[in-house]
Amino acid sequence: MSSVSEDIKQMQAQIQQYGSVTQFGIRVQVINGPGLQEGSTGSITVKSGGVVEGNGATYNAGWEIGNWGDTLTFTKR
């Protein structure tokens, strides 16, 4: 069973390997938890204390746990 922390580790591994995670034209080079879990969704927000940075901006991230590659979204903070 996947968890928010496992998903974040996978995102960080992708950044380490490829230099970024890109979704819907937003390229993010930094993803650091902690994240929050609400039901089957995970998030990294100001509330969680996490950091998501790229394209010269800071973002919130949200995704379906265990399926972040297809469901990850970024919104500017």
N, C-alpha and C. Protein backbone atom coordinates (compact mmCIF):
# COMPACT_ATOMS: atom_id res chain seq x y z
N MET A 1 0.84 -1.19 0.00
CA MET A 1 0.00 0.00 0.00
C MET A 1 0.88 1.24 0.00
N SER A 2 0.60 2.15 -0.90
CA SER A 2 1.37 3.39 -1.01
C SER A 2 0.97 4.36 0.09
N SER A 3 1.87 5.26 0.36
CA SER A 3 1.60 6.31 1.33
C SER A 3 2.12 7.63 0.76
N VAL A 4 1.74 8.72 1.40
CA VAL A 4 2.19 10.04 0.97
C VAL A 4 3.71 10.10 0.98
N SER A 5 4.35 9.61 2.04
CA SER A 5 5.81 9.70 2.13
C SER A 5 6.49 8.86 1.06
N GLU A 6 5.93 7.69 0.73
CA GLU A 6 6.50 6.87 -0.35
C GLU A 6 6.38 7.58 -1.69
N ASP A 7 5.24 8.20 -1.94
CA ASP A 7 5.04 8.93 -3.19
C ASP A 7 6.03 10.09 -3.29
N ILE A 8 6.22 10.81 -2.20
CA ILE A 8 7.17 11.94 -2.21
C ILE A 8 8.58 11.43 -2.50
N LYS A 9 8.97 10.32 -1.92
CA LYS A 9 10.29 9.73 -2.21
C LYS A 9 10.42 9.38 -3.68
N GLN A 10 9.35 8.87 -4.29
CA GLN A 10 9.39 8.54 -5.72
C GLN A 10 9.52 9.81 -6.56
N MET A 11 8.82 10.87 -6.19
CA MET A 11 8.93 12.15 -6.91
C MET A 11 10.37 12.67 -6.81
N GLN A 12 10.94 12.61 -5.60
CA GLN A 12 12.31 13.07 -5.40
C GLN A 12 13.30 12.24 -6.22
N ALA A 13 13.06 10.94 -6.33
CA ALA A 13 13.93 10.08 -7.14
C ALA A 13 13.85 10.47 -8.61
N GLN A 14 12.65 10.82 -9.08
CA GLN A 14 12.51 11.25 -10.47
C GLN A 14 13.25 12.56 -10.69
N ILE A 15 13.16 13.48 -9.76
CA ILE A 15 13.88 14.75 -9.87
C ILE A 15 15.38 14.49 -9.89
N GLN A 16 15.85 13.61 -9.04
CA GLN A 16 17.28 13.30 -9.00
C GLN A 16 17.73 12.69 -10.33
N GLN A 17 16.92 11.83 -10.92
CA GLN A 17 17.29 11.15 -12.16
C GLN A 17 17.15 12.05 -13.38
N TYR A 18 16.06 12.81 -13.48
CA TYR A 18 15.75 13.58 -14.69
C TYR A 18 15.86 15.09 -14.52
N GLY A 19 16.05 15.57 -13.30
CA GLY A 19 16.20 17.00 -13.07
C GLY A 19 14.92 17.73 -12.73
N SER A 20 13.76 17.09 -12.96
CA SER A 20 12.50 17.76 -12.65
C SER A 20 11.35 16.76 -12.74
N VAL A 21 10.21 17.22 -12.26
CA VAL A 21 8.92 16.57 -12.49
C VAL A 21 8.10 17.62 -13.25
N THR A 22 7.58 17.26 -14.40
CA THR A 22 6.81 18.21 -15.20
C THR A 22 5.40 17.68 -15.38
N GLN A 23 4.43 18.55 -15.13
CA GLN A 23 3.02 18.18 -15.28
C GLN A 23 2.27 19.40 -15.79
N PHE A 24 1.56 19.26 -16.89
CA PHE A 24 0.75 20.34 -17.46
C PHE A 24 1.57 21.61 -17.67
N GLY A 25 2.80 21.45 -18.13
CA GLY A 25 3.65 22.57 -18.46
C GLY A 25 4.37 23.21 -17.28
N ILE A 26 4.15 22.71 -16.09
CA ILE A 26 4.84 23.25 -14.91
C ILE A 26 5.99 22.31 -14.57
N ARG A 27 7.21 22.87 -14.57
CA ARG A 27 8.41 22.08 -14.29
C ARG A 27 8.88 22.38 -12.87
N VAL A 28 8.92 21.35 -12.04
CA VAL A 28 9.28 21.49 -10.63
C VAL A 28 10.60 20.77 -10.38
N GLN A 29 11.55 21.48 -9.76
CA GLN A 29 12.85 20.90 -9.47
C GLN A 29 13.05 20.55 -8.00
N VAL A 30 12.15 21.02 -7.13
CA VAL A 30 12.27 20.75 -5.69
C VAL A 30 10.93 20.28 -5.14
N ILE A 31 10.92 19.10 -4.54
CA ILE A 31 9.75 18.61 -3.82
C ILE A 31 10.25 18.04 -2.49
N ASN A 32 9.85 18.67 -1.41
CA ASN A 32 10.22 18.20 -0.08
C ASN A 32 8.99 18.16 0.80
N GLY A 33 8.79 17.04 1.49
CA GLY A 33 7.66 16.90 2.40
C GLY A 33 7.90 17.72 3.63
N PRO A 34 7.09 17.58 4.61
CA PRO A 34 6.08 16.55 4.75
C PRO A 34 4.83 16.85 3.93
N GLY A 35 4.10 15.77 3.69
CA GLY A 35 2.83 15.88 3.00
C GLY A 35 1.70 15.50 3.92
N LEU A 36 0.50 15.77 3.46
CA LEU A 36 -0.72 15.42 4.20
C LEU A 36 -1.52 14.40 3.41
N GLN A 37 -2.24 13.53 4.11
CA GLN A 37 -3.12 12.58 3.47
C GLN A 37 -4.54 12.84 3.93
N GLU A 38 -5.45 12.96 2.94
CA GLU A 38 -6.88 13.07 3.23
C GLU A 38 -7.57 12.04 2.36
N GLY A 39 -8.02 10.96 2.95
CA GLY A 39 -8.63 9.88 2.18
C GLY A 39 -7.60 9.26 1.26
N SER A 40 -7.90 9.26 -0.04
CA SER A 40 -6.98 8.66 -1.00
C SER A 40 -6.13 9.69 -1.73
N THR A 41 -6.09 10.94 -1.22
CA THR A 41 -5.28 11.97 -1.86
C THR A 41 -4.17 12.43 -0.93
N GLY A 42 -3.08 12.84 -1.57
CA GLY A 42 -1.95 13.40 -0.84
C GLY A 42 -1.73 14.82 -1.29
N SER A 43 -1.07 15.62 -0.45
CA SER A 43 -0.78 17.00 -0.82
C SER A 43 0.45 17.49 -0.07
N ILE A 44 1.09 18.47 -0.69
CA ILE A 44 2.16 19.22 -0.05
C ILE A 44 1.74 20.68 -0.16
N THR A 45 1.55 21.31 1.00
CA THR A 45 1.03 22.68 1.04
C THR A 45 1.73 23.45 2.15
N VAL A 46 1.39 24.72 2.27
CA VAL A 46 1.89 25.52 3.39
C VAL A 46 1.48 24.85 4.70
N LYS A 47 0.25 24.35 4.76
CA LYS A 47 -0.27 23.71 5.97
C LYS A 47 0.57 22.48 6.35
N SER A 48 1.02 21.71 5.34
CA SER A 48 1.79 20.51 5.64
C SER A 48 3.24 20.84 6.00
N GLY A 49 3.69 22.05 5.63
CA GLY A 49 5.07 22.43 5.91
C GLY A 49 6.03 22.00 4.82
N GLY A 50 5.51 21.54 3.69
CA GLY A 50 6.34 21.08 2.60
C GLY A 50 6.67 22.18 1.61
N VAL A 51 7.61 21.88 0.70
CA VAL A 51 8.08 22.85 -0.29
C VAL A 51 8.02 22.21 -1.67
N VAL A 52 7.44 22.94 -2.62
CA VAL A 52 7.43 22.55 -4.03
C VAL A 52 7.83 23.79 -4.82
N GLU A 53 8.96 23.71 -5.54
CA GLU A 53 9.48 24.89 -6.24
C GLU A 53 9.88 24.55 -7.67
N GLY A 54 9.65 25.50 -8.56
CA GLY A 54 10.06 25.38 -9.94
C GLY A 54 9.58 26.56 -10.74
N ASN A 55 10.16 26.77 -11.93
CA ASN A 55 9.77 27.88 -12.80
C ASN A 55 9.80 29.22 -12.06
N GLY A 56 10.67 29.35 -11.06
CA GLY A 56 10.76 30.59 -10.30
C GLY A 56 9.59 30.85 -9.39
N ALA A 57 8.81 29.82 -9.07
CA ALA A 57 7.62 30.00 -8.23
C ALA A 57 7.54 28.88 -7.20
N THR A 58 6.66 29.08 -6.22
CA THR A 58 6.38 28.07 -5.21
C THR A 58 4.96 27.57 -5.42
N TYR A 59 4.78 26.25 -5.27
CA TYR A 59 3.50 25.63 -5.58
C TYR A 59 2.99 24.78 -4.43
N ASN A 60 1.69 24.51 -4.46
CA ASN A 60 1.09 23.42 -3.71
C ASN A 60 0.98 22.25 -4.68
N ALA A 61 1.08 21.05 -4.18
CA ALA A 61 0.95 19.85 -5.01
C ALA A 61 -0.16 18.98 -4.45
N GLY A 62 -0.88 18.32 -5.33
CA GLY A 62 -1.91 17.38 -4.93
C GLY A 62 -1.90 16.19 -5.87
N TRP A 63 -2.25 15.00 -5.37
CA TRP A 63 -2.25 13.79 -6.20
C TRP A 63 -3.05 12.68 -5.53
N GLU A 64 -3.36 11.67 -6.33
CA GLU A 64 -3.98 10.45 -5.83
C GLU A 64 -2.88 9.54 -5.34
N ILE A 65 -2.97 9.09 -4.10
CA ILE A 65 -1.92 8.27 -3.50
C ILE A 65 -1.74 6.99 -4.30
N GLY A 66 -0.48 6.71 -4.63
CA GLY A 66 -0.14 5.53 -5.40
C GLY A 66 -0.26 5.73 -6.90
N ASN A 67 -0.73 6.90 -7.34
CA ASN A 67 -0.91 7.18 -8.77
C ASN A 67 -0.48 8.60 -9.09
N TRP A 68 0.57 9.07 -8.42
CA TRP A 68 0.96 10.47 -8.59
C TRP A 68 1.41 10.79 -10.01
N GLY A 69 1.98 9.82 -10.72
CA GLY A 69 2.46 10.08 -12.08
C GLY A 69 1.37 10.53 -13.02
N ASP A 70 0.14 10.08 -12.80
CA ASP A 70 -0.98 10.44 -13.66
C ASP A 70 -1.87 11.54 -13.09
N THR A 71 -1.78 11.78 -11.79
CA THR A 71 -2.76 12.68 -11.16
C THR A 71 -2.15 13.91 -10.51
N LEU A 72 -0.84 14.04 -10.52
CA LEU A 72 -0.17 15.15 -9.85
C LEU A 72 -0.54 16.49 -10.47
N THR A 73 -0.94 17.43 -9.64
CA THR A 73 -1.24 18.79 -10.09
C THR A 73 -0.50 19.79 -9.21
N PHE A 74 -0.16 20.92 -9.81
CA PHE A 74 0.51 22.01 -9.10
C PHE A 74 -0.33 23.26 -9.22
N THR A 75 -0.46 23.99 -8.11
CA THR A 75 -1.12 25.29 -8.12
C THR A 75 -0.21 26.28 -7.40
N LYS A 76 -0.09 27.49 -7.97
CA LYS A 76 0.77 28.51 -7.35
C LYS A 76 0.26 28.87 -5.97
N ARG A 77 1.22 29.08 -5.06
CA ARG A 77 0.87 29.52 -3.71
C ARG A 77 0.66 31.00 -3.71
